[in-house]
Amino acid sequence: MYHRILIVVADNPATQIAIAHGLGLARALGAEVLFAHALHSYPLAVADVAPVVTIAPDEFARQAAELGARLLAQAREQAAAAEVKASALVLEGVNGVDGLRALAREQSCDLIVIGAEGGNTLVRLLTGSATSGLVTRAGVPVLVCHAHDAPPPG
């Protein structure tokens, strides 16, 4: 059925549910897992809007890279505990959805598992949503997990 599962790792509660479901599927099916984290872009200033971020671009990039590395390390630890073969990649400098779609294709992933980040609709419209983008354009099935979903049976 599924042989290589791409699990999108982000800094939100739904990611932990996505990891649990993705690892549960991988273990049951004998599949490999590829964890991917898309680095956040530096927020651009918009005319007539006060800046939201008061951090320099290079410091923002450093902190984003550190967060991504920490999240991926934690995900790989969870995979090791579940006895699932896993690797991890950071996507830099690309649109998250396009980068994840390309990564799934290049790495022969046949399922993508992602946590729905929730949040407010206006923010999703302004910043985009990897979840809705992947659901509509991934090219492979996408399993969407929510923070309020029950973890898979252990």
N, C-alpha and C. Protein backbone atom coordinates (compact mmCIF):
# COMPACT_ATOMS: atom_id res chain seq x y z
N MET A 1 0.83 -1.19 0.00
CA MET A 1 0.00 0.00 0.00
C MET A 1 0.87 1.24 0.00
N TYR A 2 1.34 1.71 1.16
CA TYR A 2 2.23 2.85 1.24
C TYR A 2 3.61 2.34 1.62
N HIS A 3 4.64 2.84 0.90
CA HIS A 3 6.00 2.38 1.14
C HIS A 3 6.89 3.46 1.71
N ARG A 4 6.57 4.72 1.37
CA ARG A 4 7.38 5.85 1.85
C ARG A 4 6.41 6.99 2.18
N ILE A 5 6.40 7.38 3.45
CA ILE A 5 5.44 8.36 3.94
C ILE A 5 6.18 9.65 4.30
N LEU A 6 5.73 10.76 3.72
CA LEU A 6 6.27 12.07 4.05
C LEU A 6 5.43 12.66 5.17
N ILE A 7 6.08 12.98 6.28
CA ILE A 7 5.39 13.61 7.42
C ILE A 7 5.93 15.03 7.55
N VAL A 8 5.02 16.00 7.43
CA VAL A 8 5.40 17.40 7.53
C VAL A 8 5.49 17.79 9.00
N VAL A 9 6.62 18.35 9.38
CA VAL A 9 6.88 18.70 10.77
C VAL A 9 6.87 20.22 10.91
N ALA A 10 6.03 20.71 11.80
CA ALA A 10 5.93 22.15 12.06
C ALA A 10 5.83 22.36 13.56
N ASP A 11 5.83 23.60 13.96
CA ASP A 11 5.77 23.93 15.37
C ASP A 11 4.32 24.24 15.76
N ASN A 12 3.50 23.18 15.77
CA ASN A 12 2.11 23.34 16.20
C ASN A 12 1.63 22.02 16.80
N PRO A 13 0.62 22.06 17.65
CA PRO A 13 0.17 20.84 18.33
C PRO A 13 -0.32 19.74 17.38
N ALA A 14 -0.87 20.12 16.25
CA ALA A 14 -1.37 19.11 15.31
C ALA A 14 -0.24 18.26 14.72
N THR A 15 0.96 18.81 14.70
CA THR A 15 2.10 18.04 14.17
C THR A 15 2.34 16.78 14.99
N GLN A 16 2.19 16.86 16.31
CA GLN A 16 2.41 15.68 17.14
C GLN A 16 1.40 14.58 16.82
N ILE A 17 0.17 14.96 16.55
CA ILE A 17 -0.85 13.98 16.16
C ILE A 17 -0.50 13.41 14.78
N ALA A 18 -0.05 14.27 13.86
CA ALA A 18 0.34 13.81 12.52
C ALA A 18 1.51 12.82 12.61
N ILE A 19 2.49 13.13 13.44
CA ILE A 19 3.63 12.23 13.61
C ILE A 19 3.17 10.89 14.17
N ALA A 20 2.31 10.92 15.17
CA ALA A 20 1.82 9.68 15.77
C ALA A 20 1.08 8.83 14.74
N HIS A 21 0.19 9.45 13.95
CA HIS A 21 -0.55 8.70 12.94
C HIS A 21 0.37 8.20 11.83
N GLY A 22 1.29 9.07 11.37
CA GLY A 22 2.21 8.67 10.32
C GLY A 22 3.12 7.53 10.74
N LEU A 23 3.64 7.59 11.96
CA LEU A 23 4.50 6.52 12.45
C LEU A 23 3.70 5.24 12.67
N GLY A 24 2.47 5.37 13.16
CA GLY A 24 1.63 4.18 13.33
C GLY A 24 1.36 3.47 12.00
N LEU A 25 1.05 4.25 10.97
CA LEU A 25 0.85 3.67 9.64
C LEU A 25 2.14 3.03 9.13
N ALA A 26 3.24 3.75 9.26
CA ALA A 26 4.52 3.24 8.77
C ALA A 26 4.89 1.93 9.45
N ARG A 27 4.70 1.88 10.73
CA ARG A 27 5.04 0.65 11.47
C ARG A 27 4.14 -0.51 11.03
N ALA A 28 2.83 -0.25 10.92
CA ALA A 28 1.89 -1.30 10.52
C ALA A 28 2.15 -1.80 9.11
N LEU A 29 2.60 -0.90 8.23
CA LEU A 29 2.79 -1.26 6.82
C LEU A 29 4.23 -1.59 6.46
N GLY A 30 5.13 -1.41 7.40
CA GLY A 30 6.55 -1.64 7.10
C GLY A 30 7.11 -0.57 6.17
N ALA A 31 6.57 0.63 6.25
CA ALA A 31 6.98 1.72 5.38
C ALA A 31 8.09 2.55 6.03
N GLU A 32 8.80 3.29 5.21
CA GLU A 32 9.79 4.25 5.67
C GLU A 32 9.12 5.60 5.82
N VAL A 33 9.73 6.46 6.62
CA VAL A 33 9.21 7.80 6.84
C VAL A 33 10.28 8.82 6.46
N LEU A 34 9.82 9.88 5.84
CA LEU A 34 10.67 11.04 5.59
C LEU A 34 10.01 12.22 6.29
N PHE A 35 10.69 12.80 7.27
CA PHE A 35 10.20 13.99 7.95
C PHE A 35 10.72 15.20 7.18
N ALA A 36 9.86 16.20 6.99
CA ALA A 36 10.29 17.42 6.31
C ALA A 36 9.78 18.64 7.06
N HIS A 37 10.65 19.63 7.16
CA HIS A 37 10.29 20.89 7.79
C HIS A 37 10.63 22.01 6.81
N ALA A 38 9.64 22.84 6.47
CA ALA A 38 9.86 23.99 5.60
C ALA A 38 10.18 25.20 6.46
N LEU A 39 11.34 25.79 6.25
CA LEU A 39 11.71 26.97 7.02
C LEU A 39 10.79 28.13 6.68
N HIS A 40 10.42 28.87 7.70
CA HIS A 40 9.57 30.04 7.51
C HIS A 40 10.37 31.14 6.81
N SER A 41 9.69 31.86 5.95
CA SER A 41 10.30 33.01 5.31
C SER A 41 10.23 34.20 6.25
N TYR A 42 11.15 35.12 6.05
CA TYR A 42 11.13 36.35 6.84
C TYR A 42 9.90 37.15 6.44
N PRO A 43 9.09 37.58 7.41
CA PRO A 43 7.87 38.34 7.08
C PRO A 43 8.22 39.65 6.39
N LEU A 44 7.56 39.90 5.28
CA LEU A 44 7.80 41.14 4.53
C LEU A 44 6.91 42.25 5.06
N ALA A 45 7.41 43.44 5.03
CA ALA A 45 6.61 44.58 5.44
C ALA A 45 5.56 44.88 4.38
N VAL A 46 4.38 45.22 4.83
CA VAL A 46 3.29 45.59 3.94
C VAL A 46 3.00 47.06 4.18
N ALA A 47 2.80 47.81 3.11
CA ALA A 47 2.55 49.25 3.23
C ALA A 47 1.39 49.50 4.19
N ASP A 48 1.53 50.53 5.00
CA ASP A 48 0.49 50.97 5.94
C ASP A 48 0.18 49.97 7.04
N VAL A 49 1.05 48.99 7.24
CA VAL A 49 0.85 48.02 8.31
C VAL A 49 2.10 48.02 9.18
N ALA A 50 1.91 48.14 10.47
CA ALA A 50 3.06 48.13 11.39
C ALA A 50 3.77 46.79 11.30
N PRO A 51 5.10 46.78 11.37
CA PRO A 51 5.82 45.51 11.29
C PRO A 51 5.45 44.58 12.44
N VAL A 52 5.30 43.32 12.12
CA VAL A 52 4.94 42.31 13.11
C VAL A 52 6.19 41.76 13.77
N VAL A 53 7.27 41.74 13.02
CA VAL A 53 8.51 41.16 13.51
C VAL A 53 9.55 42.27 13.67
N THR A 54 10.19 42.28 14.80
CA THR A 54 11.21 43.31 15.06
C THR A 54 12.59 42.67 15.20
N ILE A 55 12.82 41.63 14.46
CA ILE A 55 14.08 40.90 14.52
C ILE A 55 14.76 41.01 13.15
N ALA A 56 16.06 41.07 13.14
CA ALA A 56 16.81 41.18 11.89
C ALA A 56 16.65 39.90 11.07
N PRO A 57 16.66 40.03 9.74
CA PRO A 57 16.47 38.85 8.88
C PRO A 57 17.47 37.72 9.16
N ASP A 58 18.74 38.04 9.40
CA ASP A 58 19.71 36.96 9.65
C ASP A 58 19.46 36.27 10.98
N GLU A 59 19.03 37.01 11.98
CA GLU A 59 18.69 36.40 13.28
C GLU A 59 17.43 35.57 13.15
N PHE A 60 16.46 36.05 12.40
CA PHE A 60 15.23 35.29 12.14
C PHE A 60 15.58 33.96 11.48
N ALA A 61 16.45 34.00 10.46
CA ALA A 61 16.84 32.78 9.74
C ALA A 61 17.55 31.80 10.67
N ARG A 62 18.44 32.34 11.53
CA ARG A 62 19.16 31.47 12.47
C ARG A 62 18.19 30.78 13.43
N GLN A 63 17.27 31.56 14.00
CA GLN A 63 16.30 30.99 14.93
C GLN A 63 15.37 29.98 14.25
N ALA A 64 14.96 30.27 13.02
CA ALA A 64 14.09 29.35 12.28
C ALA A 64 14.81 28.04 12.00
N ALA A 65 16.10 28.13 11.63
CA ALA A 65 16.88 26.92 11.37
C ALA A 65 17.07 26.09 12.63
N GLU A 66 17.33 26.75 13.76
CA GLU A 66 17.47 26.03 15.03
C GLU A 66 16.18 25.33 15.42
N LEU A 67 15.05 26.02 15.27
CA LEU A 67 13.76 25.42 15.58
C LEU A 67 13.51 24.21 14.68
N GLY A 68 13.75 24.35 13.39
CA GLY A 68 13.55 23.24 12.46
C GLY A 68 14.40 22.03 12.82
N ALA A 69 15.66 22.27 13.14
CA ALA A 69 16.56 21.17 13.51
C ALA A 69 16.07 20.48 14.77
N ARG A 70 15.61 21.27 15.75
CA ARG A 70 15.12 20.68 17.00
C ARG A 70 13.85 19.85 16.75
N LEU A 71 12.92 20.37 15.96
CA LEU A 71 11.68 19.65 15.67
C LEU A 71 11.96 18.34 14.92
N LEU A 72 12.88 18.39 13.97
CA LEU A 72 13.21 17.17 13.21
C LEU A 72 13.94 16.15 14.08
N ALA A 73 14.80 16.61 14.96
CA ALA A 73 15.49 15.68 15.87
C ALA A 73 14.49 14.97 16.77
N GLN A 74 13.51 15.72 17.29
CA GLN A 74 12.48 15.11 18.14
C GLN A 74 11.66 14.09 17.34
N ALA A 75 11.32 14.42 16.10
CA ALA A 75 10.55 13.49 15.26
C ALA A 75 11.34 12.22 15.00
N ARG A 76 12.63 12.35 14.72
CA ARG A 76 13.46 11.16 14.48
C ARG A 76 13.58 10.31 15.74
N GLU A 77 13.62 10.93 16.92
CA GLU A 77 13.64 10.17 18.16
C GLU A 77 12.34 9.37 18.32
N GLN A 78 11.22 9.99 17.97
CA GLN A 78 9.94 9.28 18.03
C GLN A 78 9.92 8.11 17.06
N ALA A 79 10.49 8.29 15.88
CA ALA A 79 10.54 7.21 14.90
C ALA A 79 11.41 6.06 15.42
N ALA A 80 12.54 6.39 16.02
CA ALA A 80 13.41 5.35 16.57
C ALA A 80 12.70 4.58 17.67
N ALA A 81 11.96 5.28 18.53
CA ALA A 81 11.22 4.62 19.59
C ALA A 81 10.12 3.72 19.02
N ALA A 82 9.56 4.08 17.88
CA ALA A 82 8.52 3.28 17.24
C ALA A 82 9.11 2.21 16.32
N GLU A 83 10.45 2.16 16.24
CA GLU A 83 11.16 1.21 15.39
C GLU A 83 10.77 1.36 13.92
N VAL A 84 10.74 2.62 13.47
CA VAL A 84 10.42 2.95 12.08
C VAL A 84 11.65 3.62 11.48
N LYS A 85 12.05 3.16 10.31
CA LYS A 85 13.18 3.76 9.60
C LYS A 85 12.77 5.15 9.13
N ALA A 86 13.58 6.16 9.49
CA ALA A 86 13.21 7.53 9.16
C ALA A 86 14.43 8.36 8.79
N SER A 87 14.19 9.33 7.93
CA SER A 87 15.18 10.34 7.59
C SER A 87 14.49 11.69 7.69
N ALA A 88 15.28 12.76 7.59
CA ALA A 88 14.70 14.10 7.76
C ALA A 88 15.41 15.09 6.85
N LEU A 89 14.63 16.05 6.35
CA LEU A 89 15.15 17.11 5.49
C LEU A 89 14.55 18.45 5.87
N VAL A 90 15.32 19.50 5.66
CA VAL A 90 14.83 20.86 5.84
C VAL A 90 14.70 21.47 4.45
N LEU A 91 13.55 22.09 4.19
CA LEU A 91 13.34 22.80 2.93
C LEU A 91 13.61 24.27 3.17
N GLU A 92 14.55 24.82 2.41
CA GLU A 92 14.90 26.23 2.56
C GLU A 92 14.64 26.97 1.26
N GLY A 93 14.19 28.21 1.39
CA GLY A 93 14.10 29.09 0.24
C GLY A 93 13.09 28.71 -0.82
N VAL A 94 12.10 27.92 -0.46
CA VAL A 94 11.07 27.55 -1.42
C VAL A 94 9.71 27.77 -0.79
N ASN A 95 8.71 27.93 -1.63
CA ASN A 95 7.34 27.96 -1.15
C ASN A 95 7.08 26.61 -0.51
N GLY A 96 6.51 26.59 0.70
CA GLY A 96 6.31 25.35 1.42
C GLY A 96 5.55 24.30 0.65
N VAL A 97 4.43 24.67 0.05
CA VAL A 97 3.61 23.70 -0.68
C VAL A 97 4.36 23.16 -1.89
N ASP A 98 4.92 24.05 -2.69
CA ASP A 98 5.64 23.60 -3.89
C ASP A 98 6.85 22.75 -3.51
N GLY A 99 7.56 23.17 -2.47
CA GLY A 99 8.72 22.40 -2.03
C GLY A 99 8.34 21.02 -1.51
N LEU A 100 7.25 20.94 -0.76
CA LEU A 100 6.79 19.64 -0.24
C LEU A 100 6.29 18.75 -1.35
N ARG A 101 5.57 19.31 -2.32
CA ARG A 101 5.09 18.53 -3.48
C ARG A 101 6.29 17.95 -4.24
N ALA A 102 7.27 18.80 -4.52
CA ALA A 102 8.46 18.36 -5.26
C ALA A 102 9.23 17.31 -4.46
N LEU A 103 9.35 17.52 -3.15
CA LEU A 103 10.05 16.56 -2.32
C LEU A 103 9.36 15.21 -2.33
N ALA A 104 8.04 15.21 -2.21
CA ALA A 104 7.29 13.94 -2.25
C ALA A 104 7.54 13.22 -3.56
N ARG A 105 7.53 13.95 -4.65
CA ARG A 105 7.76 13.35 -5.97
C ARG A 105 9.20 12.82 -6.08
N GLU A 106 10.18 13.67 -5.73
CA GLU A 106 11.60 13.29 -5.84
C GLU A 106 11.96 12.11 -4.96
N GLN A 107 11.34 12.02 -3.79
CA GLN A 107 11.67 10.97 -2.83
C GLN A 107 10.73 9.76 -2.92
N SER A 108 9.88 9.73 -3.95
CA SER A 108 8.94 8.63 -4.18
C SER A 108 8.03 8.37 -2.98
N CYS A 109 7.57 9.43 -2.35
CA CYS A 109 6.62 9.30 -1.24
C CYS A 109 5.23 9.06 -1.83
N ASP A 110 4.50 8.13 -1.26
CA ASP A 110 3.17 7.83 -1.78
C ASP A 110 2.06 8.23 -0.83
N LEU A 111 2.40 8.93 0.25
CA LEU A 111 1.42 9.49 1.17
C LEU A 111 2.09 10.66 1.89
N ILE A 112 1.32 11.73 2.09
CA ILE A 112 1.78 12.87 2.89
C ILE A 112 0.89 12.96 4.12
N VAL A 113 1.50 13.11 5.28
CA VAL A 113 0.75 13.29 6.53
C VAL A 113 1.11 14.68 7.06
N ILE A 114 0.07 15.47 7.36
CA ILE A 114 0.30 16.84 7.82
C ILE A 114 -0.70 17.18 8.91
N GLY A 115 -0.28 18.00 9.84
CA GLY A 115 -1.17 18.51 10.86
C GLY A 115 -1.81 19.80 10.39
N ALA A 116 -3.12 19.91 10.58
CA ALA A 116 -3.83 21.14 10.21
C ALA A 116 -3.52 22.19 11.26
N GLU A 117 -2.94 23.28 10.81
CA GLU A 117 -2.47 24.28 11.77
C GLU A 117 -3.57 25.12 12.39
N GLY A 118 -4.76 25.07 11.85
CA GLY A 118 -5.86 25.84 12.44
C GLY A 118 -5.60 27.33 12.30
N GLY A 119 -5.85 28.07 13.33
CA GLY A 119 -5.62 29.50 13.28
C GLY A 119 -6.76 30.24 12.62
N ASN A 120 -6.57 31.51 12.42
CA ASN A 120 -7.68 32.28 11.90
C ASN A 120 -7.63 32.37 10.38
N THR A 121 -8.79 32.48 9.78
CA THR A 121 -8.93 32.43 8.33
C THR A 121 -8.20 33.57 7.65
N LEU A 122 -8.25 34.75 8.21
CA LEU A 122 -7.58 35.90 7.61
C LEU A 122 -6.07 35.67 7.53
N VAL A 123 -5.48 35.15 8.60
CA VAL A 123 -4.04 34.88 8.60
C VAL A 123 -3.71 33.83 7.55
N ARG A 124 -4.52 32.77 7.44
CA ARG A 124 -4.28 31.74 6.42
C ARG A 124 -4.38 32.32 5.01
N LEU A 125 -5.33 33.24 4.80
CA LEU A 125 -5.46 33.86 3.48
C LEU A 125 -4.24 34.71 3.14
N LEU A 126 -3.70 35.42 4.13
CA LEU A 126 -2.55 36.28 3.89
C LEU A 126 -1.24 35.51 3.76
N THR A 127 -1.09 34.47 4.55
CA THR A 127 0.18 33.75 4.58
C THR A 127 0.16 32.44 3.82
N GLY A 128 -1.02 31.96 3.47
CA GLY A 128 -1.13 30.68 2.79
C GLY A 128 -1.22 29.55 3.79
N SER A 129 -1.69 28.43 3.32
CA SER A 129 -1.82 27.27 4.18
C SER A 129 -1.22 26.07 3.47
N ALA A 130 -0.21 25.48 4.07
CA ALA A 130 0.39 24.29 3.48
C ALA A 130 -0.62 23.16 3.41
N THR A 131 -1.48 23.07 4.41
CA THR A 131 -2.47 21.98 4.43
C THR A 131 -3.40 22.07 3.24
N SER A 132 -4.06 23.19 3.06
CA SER A 132 -5.00 23.30 1.94
C SER A 132 -4.28 23.22 0.60
N GLY A 133 -3.08 23.78 0.53
CA GLY A 133 -2.30 23.68 -0.71
C GLY A 133 -1.95 22.25 -1.06
N LEU A 134 -1.55 21.46 -0.07
CA LEU A 134 -1.21 20.06 -0.34
C LEU A 134 -2.45 19.24 -0.67
N VAL A 135 -3.54 19.48 0.05
CA VAL A 135 -4.76 18.71 -0.22
C VAL A 135 -5.20 18.90 -1.67
N THR A 136 -5.07 20.11 -2.18
CA THR A 136 -5.55 20.38 -3.54
C THR A 136 -4.53 20.10 -4.63
N ARG A 137 -3.20 20.05 -4.29
CA ARG A 137 -2.21 19.95 -5.36
C ARG A 137 -1.11 18.92 -5.16
N ALA A 138 -1.19 18.07 -4.17
CA ALA A 138 -0.05 17.21 -3.82
C ALA A 138 0.33 16.18 -4.87
N GLY A 139 -0.62 15.59 -5.54
CA GLY A 139 -0.30 14.53 -6.48
C GLY A 139 -0.28 13.14 -5.85
N VAL A 140 -0.37 13.08 -4.52
CA VAL A 140 -0.49 11.82 -3.78
C VAL A 140 -1.51 12.06 -2.68
N PRO A 141 -2.05 10.99 -2.09
CA PRO A 141 -3.00 11.18 -0.99
C PRO A 141 -2.38 11.96 0.17
N VAL A 142 -3.23 12.74 0.84
CA VAL A 142 -2.81 13.54 1.99
C VAL A 142 -3.71 13.21 3.17
N LEU A 143 -3.08 12.80 4.26
CA LEU A 143 -3.80 12.55 5.51
C LEU A 143 -3.65 13.79 6.38
N VAL A 144 -4.77 14.43 6.71
CA VAL A 144 -4.75 15.66 7.52
C VAL A 144 -5.16 15.31 8.94
N CYS A 145 -4.32 15.68 9.89
CA CYS A 145 -4.59 15.43 11.30
C CYS A 145 -4.79 16.76 12.01
N HIS A 146 -5.67 16.76 12.99
CA HIS A 146 -5.98 17.96 13.77
C HIS A 146 -5.51 17.78 15.20
N ALA A 147 -5.23 18.89 15.85
CA ALA A 147 -4.74 18.82 17.23
C ALA A 147 -5.73 18.14 18.15
N HIS A 148 -7.03 18.23 17.85
CA HIS A 148 -8.04 17.64 18.72
C HIS A 148 -8.33 16.17 18.36
N ASP A 149 -7.70 15.64 17.31
CA ASP A 149 -7.89 14.22 16.97
C ASP A 149 -7.27 13.34 18.05
N ALA A 150 -7.86 12.18 18.22
CA ALA A 150 -7.27 11.22 19.16
C ALA A 150 -6.02 10.62 18.55
N PRO A 151 -5.00 10.38 19.35
CA PRO A 151 -3.83 9.70 18.82
C PRO A 151 -4.21 8.28 18.42
N PRO A 152 -3.46 7.68 17.51
CA PRO A 152 -3.79 6.32 17.09
C PRO A 152 -3.64 5.35 18.27
N PRO A 153 -4.39 4.25 18.22
CA PRO A 153 -4.23 3.26 19.30
C PRO A 153 -2.82 2.72 19.32
N GLY A 154 -2.28 2.56 20.51
CA GLY A 154 -0.89 2.22 20.68
C GLY A 154 -0.56 0.82 20.63
